[in-house]
């Protein structure tokens, strides 16, 4: 009788552990790739992973002053440091720009990672890295850090090669 009770308790603990692990694993987890602070705004590039796979590509802006954003695009950078501009409005159909960002207001532009990746893959421009660029109504550009894809199309922030 005690052996059966021990087996039931051990089996219950294992089932409970698997259930807790599965619930924690299924949550969407944000990973910040780039944070750039400007006097007018804070620009963050975030990827969201769920079940171990990248689900969304987010561009988050926090207004430190009132600012009008006129365009949001991706700047592709080749190995020879030549640039190509790709409009993100083609990836995200209901992107209403220009948009007014008020002070202390947080705005997120969310792109499904699969469509973002396919859109960059379909580009004729051979790129080594890319960055997200936000342009205000006056033509001032706010750029994120450079990011790249590895051979398995996993996004990361590459090393600059400069130290000290």
N, C-alpha and C. Protein backbone atom coordinates (compact mmCIF):
# COMPACT_ATOMS: atom_id res chain seq x y z
N UNK A 1 0.82 -1.20 0.00
CA UNK A 1 0.00 0.00 0.00
C UNK A 1 0.86 1.26 0.00
N UNK A 2 1.95 1.23 0.80
CA UNK A 2 2.83 2.39 0.85
C UNK A 2 3.57 2.56 -0.47
N UNK A 3 3.88 1.45 -1.16
CA UNK A 3 4.56 1.54 -2.45
C UNK A 3 3.66 2.21 -3.49
N UNK A 4 2.40 1.88 -3.49
CA UNK A 4 1.46 2.47 -4.45
C UNK A 4 1.32 3.97 -4.16
N UNK A 5 1.24 4.33 -2.90
CA UNK A 5 1.13 5.74 -2.52
C UNK A 5 2.38 6.52 -2.95
N UNK A 6 3.55 5.92 -2.79
CA UNK A 6 4.80 6.56 -3.22
C UNK A 6 4.81 6.77 -4.73
N UNK A 7 4.38 5.76 -5.48
CA UNK A 7 4.32 5.89 -6.95
C UNK A 7 3.34 6.98 -7.37
N UNK A 8 2.21 7.06 -6.71
CA UNK A 8 1.21 8.09 -7.03
C UNK A 8 1.77 9.48 -6.75
N UNK A 9 2.46 9.65 -5.62
CA UNK A 9 3.04 10.96 -5.28
C UNK A 9 4.13 11.34 -6.27
N UNK A 10 5.02 10.42 -6.59
CA UNK A 10 6.09 10.71 -7.56
C UNK A 10 5.50 11.03 -8.93
N UNK A 11 4.53 10.26 -9.35
CA UNK A 11 3.88 10.51 -10.64
C UNK A 11 3.17 11.87 -10.64
N UNK A 12 2.52 12.22 -9.53
CA UNK A 12 1.85 13.52 -9.42
C UNK A 12 2.84 14.68 -9.46
N UNK A 13 3.99 14.53 -8.81
CA UNK A 13 5.02 15.57 -8.83
C UNK A 13 5.56 15.74 -10.25
N UNK A 14 5.79 14.64 -10.96
CA UNK A 14 6.29 14.72 -12.34
C UNK A 14 5.26 15.40 -13.24
N UNK A 15 4.00 15.02 -13.14
CA UNK A 15 2.94 15.65 -13.95
C UNK A 15 2.83 17.14 -13.62
N UNK A 16 2.89 17.49 -12.33
CA UNK A 16 2.83 18.90 -11.93
C UNK A 16 4.02 19.69 -12.46
N UNK A 17 5.21 19.10 -12.41
CA UNK A 17 6.41 19.76 -12.94
C UNK A 17 6.33 20.00 -14.43
N UNK A 18 5.85 19.01 -15.17
CA UNK A 18 5.70 19.17 -16.62
C UNK A 18 4.66 20.23 -16.94
N UNK A 19 3.57 20.27 -16.19
CA UNK A 19 2.52 21.28 -16.42
C UNK A 19 3.05 22.68 -16.16
N UNK A 20 3.79 22.87 -15.07
CA UNK A 20 4.36 24.19 -14.77
C UNK A 20 5.38 24.58 -15.83
N UNK A 21 6.23 23.64 -16.22
CA UNK A 21 7.23 23.92 -17.25
C UNK A 21 6.57 24.32 -18.57
N UNK A 22 5.52 23.63 -18.95
CA UNK A 22 4.83 23.94 -20.20
C UNK A 22 4.15 25.31 -20.15
N UNK A 23 3.55 25.65 -19.01
CA UNK A 23 2.91 26.96 -18.87
C UNK A 23 3.94 28.09 -18.94
N UNK A 24 5.09 27.90 -18.31
CA UNK A 24 6.12 28.93 -18.33
C UNK A 24 6.75 29.04 -19.71
N UNK A 25 6.89 27.94 -20.41
CA UNK A 25 7.53 27.94 -21.72
C UNK A 25 6.64 28.58 -22.77
N UNK A 26 5.34 28.48 -22.64
CA UNK A 26 4.43 28.97 -23.66
C UNK A 26 4.24 30.48 -23.61
N UNK A 27 4.77 31.17 -22.61
CA UNK A 27 4.66 32.62 -22.54
C UNK A 27 5.55 33.27 -23.59
N UNK A 28 5.10 34.41 -24.10
CA UNK A 28 5.92 35.19 -25.03
C UNK A 28 6.95 35.96 -24.22
N UNK A 29 8.22 35.80 -24.60
CA UNK A 29 9.30 36.45 -23.86
C UNK A 29 9.99 37.48 -24.75
N UNK A 30 10.04 38.73 -24.30
CA UNK A 30 10.71 39.77 -25.10
C UNK A 30 12.21 39.80 -24.84
N UNK A 31 12.99 40.00 -25.90
CA UNK A 31 14.44 40.17 -25.81
C UNK A 31 14.80 41.47 -26.52
N UNK A 32 15.43 42.38 -25.79
CA UNK A 32 15.80 43.68 -26.35
C UNK A 32 17.10 43.52 -27.13
N UNK A 33 17.06 43.86 -28.42
CA UNK A 33 18.26 43.79 -29.26
C UNK A 33 18.99 45.12 -29.29
N UNK A 34 18.25 46.21 -29.28
CA UNK A 34 18.88 47.52 -29.42
C UNK A 34 18.06 48.55 -28.65
N UNK A 35 18.76 49.41 -27.92
CA UNK A 35 18.14 50.55 -27.26
C UNK A 35 18.99 51.78 -27.58
N UNK A 36 18.38 52.75 -28.22
CA UNK A 36 19.06 54.00 -28.55
C UNK A 36 18.30 55.13 -27.87
N UNK A 37 19.02 55.95 -27.13
CA UNK A 37 18.42 57.09 -26.44
C UNK A 37 18.77 58.38 -27.18
N UNK A 38 17.76 59.11 -27.55
CA UNK A 38 17.91 60.41 -28.19
C UNK A 38 17.22 61.44 -27.30
N UNK A 39 17.51 62.74 -27.49
CA UNK A 39 16.83 63.75 -26.66
C UNK A 39 15.31 63.76 -26.85
N UNK A 40 14.83 63.38 -28.04
CA UNK A 40 13.40 63.43 -28.33
C UNK A 40 12.68 62.12 -28.02
N UNK A 41 13.39 60.99 -28.15
CA UNK A 41 12.73 59.70 -27.97
C UNK A 41 13.72 58.62 -27.61
N UNK A 42 13.16 57.48 -27.20
CA UNK A 42 13.94 56.27 -26.97
C UNK A 42 13.46 55.24 -27.98
N UNK A 43 14.39 54.69 -28.75
CA UNK A 43 14.07 53.72 -29.79
C UNK A 43 14.59 52.36 -29.36
N UNK A 44 13.69 51.37 -29.32
CA UNK A 44 14.07 50.01 -28.94
C UNK A 44 13.65 49.04 -30.02
N UNK A 45 14.51 48.07 -30.28
CA UNK A 45 14.18 46.98 -31.19
C UNK A 45 14.14 45.72 -30.34
N UNK A 46 13.01 45.03 -30.39
CA UNK A 46 12.76 43.89 -29.52
C UNK A 46 12.29 42.72 -30.37
N UNK A 47 12.74 41.51 -30.03
CA UNK A 47 12.15 40.32 -30.63
C UNK A 47 11.40 39.60 -29.53
N UNK A 48 10.30 38.97 -29.91
CA UNK A 48 9.51 38.21 -28.95
C UNK A 48 9.58 36.75 -29.34
N UNK A 49 9.98 35.92 -28.37
CA UNK A 49 10.07 34.49 -28.61
C UNK A 49 8.97 33.78 -27.85
N UNK A 50 8.41 32.78 -28.50
CA UNK A 50 7.39 31.95 -27.87
C UNK A 50 7.65 30.51 -28.29
N UNK A 51 7.67 29.61 -27.33
CA UNK A 51 7.97 28.20 -27.56
C UNK A 51 9.32 28.01 -28.24
N UNK A 52 10.29 28.86 -27.91
CA UNK A 52 11.64 28.73 -28.44
C UNK A 52 11.84 29.29 -29.83
N UNK A 53 10.82 29.86 -30.44
CA UNK A 53 10.93 30.40 -31.79
C UNK A 53 10.58 31.88 -31.77
N UNK A 54 11.24 32.63 -32.65
CA UNK A 54 10.97 34.06 -32.75
C UNK A 54 9.61 34.26 -33.38
N UNK A 55 8.74 34.98 -32.67
CA UNK A 55 7.36 35.17 -33.11
C UNK A 55 7.14 36.53 -33.74
N UNK A 56 7.59 37.60 -33.05
CA UNK A 56 7.35 38.96 -33.51
C UNK A 56 8.62 39.78 -33.48
N UNK A 57 8.66 40.77 -34.36
CA UNK A 57 9.72 41.78 -34.42
C UNK A 57 9.06 43.10 -34.06
N UNK A 58 9.48 43.72 -32.96
CA UNK A 58 8.84 44.93 -32.46
C UNK A 58 9.80 46.11 -32.53
N UNK A 59 9.26 47.25 -32.92
CA UNK A 59 9.96 48.52 -32.83
C UNK A 59 9.16 49.36 -31.84
N UNK A 60 9.78 49.69 -30.72
CA UNK A 60 9.08 50.41 -29.65
C UNK A 60 9.70 51.80 -29.50
N UNK A 61 8.86 52.81 -29.48
CA UNK A 61 9.33 54.18 -29.28
C UNK A 61 8.66 54.76 -28.04
N UNK A 62 9.45 55.44 -27.24
CA UNK A 62 8.94 56.15 -26.08
C UNK A 62 9.27 57.62 -26.29
N UNK A 63 8.25 58.44 -26.36
CA UNK A 63 8.45 59.86 -26.60
C UNK A 63 8.92 60.58 -25.35
N UNK A 64 10.05 61.27 -25.45
CA UNK A 64 10.52 62.11 -24.36
C UNK A 64 10.07 63.55 -24.56
N UNK A 65 9.72 63.87 -25.80
CA UNK A 65 9.11 65.14 -26.17
C UNK A 65 8.03 64.82 -27.19
N UNK A 66 7.20 65.78 -27.49
CA UNK A 66 6.19 65.57 -28.53
C UNK A 66 6.90 65.51 -29.88
N UNK A 67 6.56 64.48 -30.67
CA UNK A 67 7.28 64.23 -31.91
C UNK A 67 6.34 63.61 -32.93
N UNK A 68 6.47 64.01 -34.18
CA UNK A 68 5.67 63.44 -35.26
C UNK A 68 6.56 62.51 -36.08
N UNK A 69 6.18 61.25 -36.17
CA UNK A 69 6.94 60.26 -36.95
C UNK A 69 6.32 60.17 -38.33
N UNK A 70 7.12 60.46 -39.35
CA UNK A 70 6.59 60.45 -40.72
C UNK A 70 6.85 59.13 -41.44
N UNK A 71 7.95 58.45 -41.12
CA UNK A 71 8.20 57.17 -41.79
C UNK A 71 9.03 56.25 -40.91
N UNK A 72 8.87 54.97 -41.15
CA UNK A 72 9.61 53.92 -40.47
C UNK A 72 10.08 52.97 -41.55
N UNK A 73 11.39 52.77 -41.65
CA UNK A 73 11.90 51.88 -42.68
C UNK A 73 13.11 51.11 -42.18
N UNK A 74 13.48 50.10 -42.95
CA UNK A 74 14.65 49.28 -42.65
C UNK A 74 15.74 49.65 -43.64
N UNK A 75 16.92 49.89 -43.13
CA UNK A 75 18.06 50.25 -43.96
C UNK A 75 18.96 49.02 -44.07
N UNK A 76 19.06 48.46 -45.27
CA UNK A 76 19.92 47.31 -45.51
C UNK A 76 21.33 47.78 -45.79
N UNK A 77 22.33 47.10 -45.23
CA UNK A 77 23.72 47.50 -45.35
C UNK A 77 24.51 46.34 -45.94
N UNK A 78 25.19 46.59 -47.05
CA UNK A 78 25.97 45.54 -47.70
C UNK A 78 27.36 45.45 -47.08
N UNK A 79 28.14 44.49 -47.57
CA UNK A 79 29.49 44.30 -47.06
C UNK A 79 30.38 45.49 -47.38
N UNK A 80 30.11 46.15 -48.52
CA UNK A 80 30.90 47.32 -48.92
C UNK A 80 30.32 48.62 -48.34
N UNK A 81 29.42 48.51 -47.39
CA UNK A 81 28.79 49.63 -46.68
C UNK A 81 27.93 50.51 -47.59
N UNK A 82 27.33 49.92 -48.61
CA UNK A 82 26.33 50.65 -49.39
C UNK A 82 24.96 50.34 -48.77
N UNK A 83 24.03 51.28 -48.95
CA UNK A 83 22.76 51.22 -48.24
C UNK A 83 21.59 51.10 -49.21
N UNK A 84 20.56 50.41 -48.77
CA UNK A 84 19.29 50.34 -49.50
C UNK A 84 18.18 50.51 -48.48
N UNK A 85 17.16 51.24 -48.87
CA UNK A 85 16.05 51.57 -47.97
C UNK A 85 14.83 50.74 -48.35
N UNK A 86 14.23 50.07 -47.35
CA UNK A 86 13.02 49.27 -47.56
C UNK A 86 11.93 49.79 -46.64
N UNK A 87 10.82 50.15 -47.21
CA UNK A 87 9.70 50.69 -46.44
C UNK A 87 9.00 49.56 -45.69
N UNK A 88 8.78 49.73 -44.39
CA UNK A 88 8.12 48.69 -43.59
C UNK A 88 6.61 48.72 -43.74
N UNK A 89 6.08 49.74 -44.39
CA UNK A 89 4.64 49.80 -44.63
C UNK A 89 4.18 48.68 -45.54
N UNK A 90 5.10 48.13 -46.34
CA UNK A 90 4.75 47.01 -47.21
C UNK A 90 4.65 45.70 -46.44
N UNK A 91 5.34 45.62 -45.30
CA UNK A 91 5.26 44.41 -44.47
C UNK A 91 4.00 44.46 -43.61
N UNK A 92 3.76 45.60 -43.02
CA UNK A 92 2.63 45.79 -42.10
C UNK A 92 1.61 46.68 -42.80
N UNK A 93 0.54 46.11 -43.26
CA UNK A 93 -0.42 46.83 -44.10
C UNK A 93 -1.17 47.94 -43.37
N UNK A 94 -1.49 47.77 -42.09
CA UNK A 94 -2.26 48.81 -41.40
C UNK A 94 -1.36 49.70 -40.55
N UNK A 95 -0.26 50.14 -41.12
CA UNK A 95 0.64 51.07 -40.46
C UNK A 95 0.24 52.48 -40.89
N UNK A 96 -0.35 53.23 -39.97
CA UNK A 96 -0.84 54.57 -40.27
C UNK A 96 0.21 55.61 -39.90
N UNK A 97 0.96 56.06 -40.88
CA UNK A 97 1.95 57.11 -40.67
C UNK A 97 1.54 58.32 -41.48
N UNK A 98 1.78 59.52 -41.07
CA UNK A 98 2.50 59.95 -39.87
C UNK A 98 1.69 59.75 -38.59
N UNK A 99 2.42 59.63 -37.51
CA UNK A 99 1.80 59.42 -36.20
C UNK A 99 2.44 60.39 -35.20
N UNK A 100 1.64 60.91 -34.31
CA UNK A 100 2.12 61.85 -33.30
C UNK A 100 2.40 61.10 -32.00
N UNK A 101 3.64 61.19 -31.54
CA UNK A 101 4.03 60.57 -30.27
C UNK A 101 4.08 61.67 -29.22
N UNK A 102 3.28 61.52 -28.19
CA UNK A 102 3.26 62.50 -27.11
C UNK A 102 4.34 62.18 -26.09
N UNK A 103 4.58 63.11 -25.18
CA UNK A 103 5.58 62.90 -24.15
C UNK A 103 5.17 61.74 -23.26
N UNK A 104 6.10 60.85 -22.97
CA UNK A 104 5.93 59.65 -22.15
C UNK A 104 4.94 58.65 -22.75
N UNK A 105 4.65 58.75 -24.02
CA UNK A 105 3.77 57.79 -24.68
C UNK A 105 4.62 56.70 -25.34
N UNK A 106 4.20 55.46 -25.17
CA UNK A 106 4.91 54.33 -25.76
C UNK A 106 4.09 53.81 -26.94
N UNK A 107 4.74 53.71 -28.08
CA UNK A 107 4.09 53.18 -29.28
C UNK A 107 4.92 52.01 -29.79
N UNK A 108 4.23 50.91 -30.12
CA UNK A 108 4.91 49.74 -30.65
C UNK A 108 4.44 49.46 -32.06
N UNK A 109 5.39 49.20 -32.94
CA UNK A 109 5.10 48.73 -34.28
C UNK A 109 5.46 47.25 -34.28
N UNK A 110 4.47 46.39 -34.48
CA UNK A 110 4.67 44.95 -34.37
C UNK A 110 4.59 44.32 -35.75
N UNK A 111 5.63 43.55 -36.09
CA UNK A 111 5.69 42.84 -37.36
C UNK A 111 5.82 41.35 -37.07
N UNK A 112 5.01 40.50 -37.70
CA UNK A 112 5.24 39.06 -37.56
C UNK A 112 6.62 38.72 -38.13
N UNK A 113 7.40 37.98 -37.37
CA UNK A 113 8.79 37.75 -37.74
C UNK A 113 8.91 37.00 -39.07
N UNK A 114 8.02 36.05 -39.32
CA UNK A 114 8.10 35.29 -40.57
C UNK A 114 7.92 36.19 -41.79
N UNK A 115 6.94 37.08 -41.75
CA UNK A 115 6.74 37.97 -42.90
C UNK A 115 7.86 38.99 -43.00
N UNK A 116 8.40 39.45 -41.87
CA UNK A 116 9.54 40.37 -41.87
C UNK A 116 10.75 39.71 -42.51
N UNK A 117 11.02 38.48 -42.12
CA UNK A 117 12.17 37.74 -42.65
C UNK A 117 12.00 37.45 -44.13
N UNK A 118 10.81 37.02 -44.55
CA UNK A 118 10.56 36.73 -45.97
C UNK A 118 10.68 37.98 -46.82
N UNK A 119 10.23 39.11 -46.27
CA UNK A 119 10.31 40.37 -47.02
C UNK A 119 11.77 40.78 -47.23
N UNK A 120 12.60 40.60 -46.21
CA UNK A 120 14.02 40.92 -46.36
C UNK A 120 14.72 39.92 -47.27
N UNK A 121 14.32 38.65 -47.23
CA UNK A 121 14.91 37.64 -48.10
C UNK A 121 14.57 37.89 -49.56
N UNK A 122 13.39 38.42 -49.82
CA UNK A 122 12.96 38.64 -51.20
C UNK A 122 13.61 39.88 -51.82
N UNK A 123 14.33 40.65 -51.04
CA UNK A 123 14.99 41.85 -51.56
C UNK A 123 16.11 41.46 -52.53
N UNK A 124 16.27 42.24 -53.60
CA UNK A 124 17.33 41.99 -54.57
C UNK A 124 18.69 42.42 -54.03
N UNK A 125 18.69 43.25 -53.03
CA UNK A 125 19.92 43.81 -52.47
C UNK A 125 20.57 42.78 -51.55
N UNK A 126 21.84 42.45 -51.79
CA UNK A 126 22.57 41.50 -50.94
C UNK A 126 23.08 42.27 -49.72
N UNK A 127 22.51 41.98 -48.56
CA UNK A 127 22.88 42.73 -47.37
C UNK A 127 23.58 41.84 -46.35
N UNK A 128 24.46 42.48 -45.58
CA UNK A 128 25.16 41.81 -44.50
C UNK A 128 24.47 42.08 -43.17
N UNK A 129 24.00 43.31 -43.00
CA UNK A 129 23.31 43.70 -41.78
C UNK A 129 22.22 44.71 -42.12
N UNK A 130 21.46 45.09 -41.11
CA UNK A 130 20.39 46.06 -41.32
C UNK A 130 20.16 46.82 -40.03
N UNK A 131 19.43 47.91 -40.12
CA UNK A 131 19.02 48.66 -38.95
C UNK A 131 17.66 49.29 -39.21
N UNK A 132 16.97 49.59 -38.13
CA UNK A 132 15.66 50.22 -38.21
C UNK A 132 15.86 51.72 -38.10
N UNK A 133 15.20 52.47 -38.99
CA UNK A 133 15.34 53.92 -39.01
C UNK A 133 13.95 54.54 -38.90
N UNK A 134 13.82 55.49 -37.99
CA UNK A 134 12.60 56.24 -37.78
C UNK A 134 12.87 57.67 -38.22
N UNK A 135 11.99 58.24 -39.03
CA UNK A 135 12.19 59.60 -39.52
C UNK A 135 11.05 60.49 -39.05
N UNK A 136 11.40 61.66 -38.52
CA UNK A 136 10.35 62.57 -38.05
C UNK A 136 9.91 63.51 -39.17
N UNK A 137 8.98 64.37 -38.87
CA UNK A 137 8.42 65.28 -39.87
C UNK A 137 9.43 66.27 -40.43
N UNK A 138 10.49 66.57 -39.68
CA UNK A 138 11.51 67.51 -40.13
C UNK A 138 12.63 66.84 -40.93
N UNK A 139 12.56 65.53 -41.09
CA UNK A 139 13.59 64.80 -41.84
C UNK A 139 14.72 64.28 -40.98
N UNK A 140 14.64 64.45 -39.66
CA UNK A 140 15.68 63.93 -38.77
C UNK A 140 15.49 62.43 -38.60
N UNK A 141 16.60 61.69 -38.69
CA UNK A 141 16.54 60.23 -38.62
C UNK A 141 17.04 59.74 -37.27
N UNK A 142 16.34 58.74 -36.75
CA UNK A 142 16.70 58.08 -35.51
C UNK A 142 16.98 56.63 -35.86
N UNK A 143 18.24 56.20 -35.65
CA UNK A 143 18.66 54.87 -36.11
C UNK A 143 18.92 53.94 -34.93
N UNK A 144 18.60 52.67 -35.14
CA UNK A 144 18.91 51.65 -34.15
C UNK A 144 20.33 51.14 -34.41
N UNK A 145 20.80 50.25 -33.56
CA UNK A 145 22.08 49.60 -33.81
C UNK A 145 21.94 48.68 -35.02
N UNK A 146 23.06 48.29 -35.59
CA UNK A 146 23.02 47.33 -36.69
C UNK A 146 22.71 45.95 -36.14
N UNK A 147 21.89 45.23 -36.90
CA UNK A 147 21.54 43.86 -36.56
C UNK A 147 21.77 43.00 -37.80
N UNK A 148 21.87 41.70 -37.60
CA UNK A 148 22.13 40.80 -38.72
C UNK A 148 21.42 39.47 -38.48
N UNK A 149 21.43 38.66 -39.51
CA UNK A 149 20.91 37.30 -39.42
C UNK A 149 22.07 36.33 -39.54
N UNK A 150 22.03 35.24 -38.78
CA UNK A 150 23.05 34.22 -38.96
C UNK A 150 22.62 33.29 -40.09
N UNK A 151 23.35 32.20 -40.31
CA UNK A 151 23.05 31.32 -41.45
C UNK A 151 21.70 30.62 -41.32
N UNK A 152 21.17 30.53 -40.10
CA UNK A 152 19.85 29.92 -39.88
C UNK A 152 18.74 30.97 -39.80
N UNK A 153 19.02 32.20 -40.19
CA UNK A 153 18.08 33.32 -40.17
C UNK A 153 17.57 33.60 -38.76
N UNK A 154 18.46 33.51 -37.79
CA UNK A 154 18.17 33.94 -36.43
C UNK A 154 18.77 35.33 -36.28
N UNK A 155 17.99 36.27 -35.79
CA UNK A 155 18.43 37.66 -35.70
C UNK A 155 19.32 37.85 -34.47
N UNK A 156 20.38 38.65 -34.63
CA UNK A 156 21.28 38.96 -33.53
C UNK A 156 21.94 40.31 -33.78
N UNK A 157 22.59 40.82 -32.76
CA UNK A 157 23.33 42.08 -32.90
C UNK A 157 24.81 41.74 -33.03
N UNK A 158 25.40 41.97 -34.21
CA UNK A 158 26.79 41.54 -34.43
C UNK A 158 27.79 42.39 -33.66
N UNK A 159 28.96 41.81 -33.48
CA UNK A 159 30.05 42.50 -32.82
C UNK A 159 30.61 43.56 -33.76
N UNK A 160 30.95 44.72 -33.22
CA UNK A 160 31.47 45.81 -34.06
C UNK A 160 32.94 45.62 -34.38
N UNK A 161 33.65 44.86 -33.57
CA UNK A 161 35.08 44.69 -33.79
C UNK A 161 35.91 45.79 -33.16
N UNK A 162 35.27 46.76 -32.54
CA UNK A 162 35.99 47.86 -31.89
C UNK A 162 35.92 47.67 -30.38
N UNK A 163 37.05 47.78 -29.75
CA UNK A 163 37.11 47.63 -28.31
C UNK A 163 37.81 48.83 -27.70
N UNK A 164 37.43 49.15 -26.48
CA UNK A 164 38.00 50.28 -25.71
C UNK A 164 37.65 51.55 -26.32
